[in-house]
Protein backbone atom coordinates (compact mmCIF):
# COMPACT_ATOMS: atom_id res chain seq x y z
CA MET A 1 82.31 -34.73 -4.32
CA GLN A 2 83.33 -38.12 -2.33
CA THR A 3 85.95 -39.37 -0.40
CA MET A 4 87.88 -42.94 0.09
CA GLU A 5 87.13 -44.82 3.15
CA LYS A 6 89.56 -45.33 5.75
CA GLY A 7 90.36 -41.80 6.40
CA THR A 8 92.27 -41.15 2.99
CA ASP A 9 92.42 -37.78 1.33
CA VAL A 10 91.91 -38.64 -1.68
CA ARG A 11 88.91 -36.56 -3.68
CA PHE A 12 86.09 -37.23 -6.84
CA PRO A 13 85.79 -35.12 -9.35
CA VAL A 14 82.34 -36.52 -9.45
CA ASP A 15 79.26 -38.18 -6.86
CA ASP A 16 78.34 -41.63 -6.98
CA GLY A 17 74.91 -40.58 -9.42
CA THR A 18 76.75 -38.96 -11.80
CA TYR A 19 79.24 -41.25 -12.18
CA ASN A 20 77.12 -44.45 -12.22
CA LEU A 21 75.15 -42.49 -15.47
CA MET A 22 78.73 -41.90 -17.30
CA THR A 23 79.48 -45.25 -16.55
CA THR A 24 76.31 -46.40 -17.75
CA LEU A 25 76.46 -44.44 -21.36
CA THR A 26 79.87 -45.82 -21.83
CA GLU A 27 78.39 -49.37 -21.64
CA LYS A 28 75.85 -48.57 -23.47
CA LEU A 29 78.29 -47.04 -26.28
CA LYS A 30 80.44 -50.27 -26.14
CA ALA A 31 77.28 -52.53 -26.68
CA LEU A 32 76.16 -50.83 -29.71
CA GLN A 33 79.44 -50.91 -31.35
CA THR A 34 79.75 -54.49 -30.60
CA TYR A 35 76.62 -55.15 -32.24
CA ARG A 36 77.11 -52.85 -35.19
CA ILE A 37 80.34 -55.26 -35.06
CA TYR A 38 78.69 -58.59 -34.84
CA SER A 39 75.56 -57.52 -37.33
CA LYS A 40 78.22 -57.54 -40.11
CA ASP A 41 78.83 -61.41 -39.39
CA VAL A 42 74.73 -62.64 -39.63
CA ASP A 43 72.07 -62.34 -41.92
CA GLY A 44 68.53 -62.76 -41.52
CA ARG A 45 66.63 -63.69 -38.07
CA GLU A 46 70.06 -62.78 -35.98
CA LEU A 47 70.64 -59.62 -38.44
CA GLU A 48 67.02 -58.94 -37.41
CA LEU A 49 68.43 -59.35 -33.80
CA TYR A 50 71.11 -57.30 -33.89
CA GLN A 51 68.95 -54.09 -35.46
CA GLN A 52 66.59 -54.25 -32.44
CA LEU A 53 69.33 -54.77 -30.16
CA ILE A 54 71.02 -51.40 -31.99
CA ASP A 55 67.49 -49.54 -32.13
CA GLU A 56 66.46 -50.14 -28.49
CA ASP A 57 70.09 -49.72 -27.29
CA THR A 58 70.43 -46.33 -28.78
CA GLN A 59 67.28 -45.46 -27.46
CA HIS A 60 68.69 -46.11 -24.17
CA ALA A 61 72.10 -44.41 -24.87
CA GLN A 62 69.97 -41.00 -25.67
CA ARG A 63 67.44 -41.15 -22.35
CA ILE A 64 70.78 -41.57 -20.52
CA TYR A 65 72.58 -38.80 -22.09
CA GLU A 66 69.45 -36.59 -21.52
CA VAL A 67 69.16 -37.53 -17.70
CA LEU A 68 73.05 -36.93 -17.58
CA GLN A 69 72.63 -33.73 -18.96
CA GLU A 70 69.74 -33.03 -16.94
CA ARG A 71 71.84 -33.60 -13.89
CA MET A 72 75.05 -31.76 -15.26
CA GLY A 73 72.92 -29.06 -15.71
CA ARG A 74 71.50 -28.81 -11.46
CA ARG A 75 75.30 -28.59 -10.70
């Protein structure tokens, strides 16, 4: 568990590495939601771009989730 600096007694329920993975996954999922919304307003090359971003970020999110699960399994 992590504590805040300057002698305060607040403890965080997860370590920095776990928090970082959780936050990264959350941000990646937010991006996916945004890409899906934006892709409804475009066509052609722009639609292809959003579809590519969705495909790539979906793979990234899955990988982050796998690593997070592995990390949580070690606890």
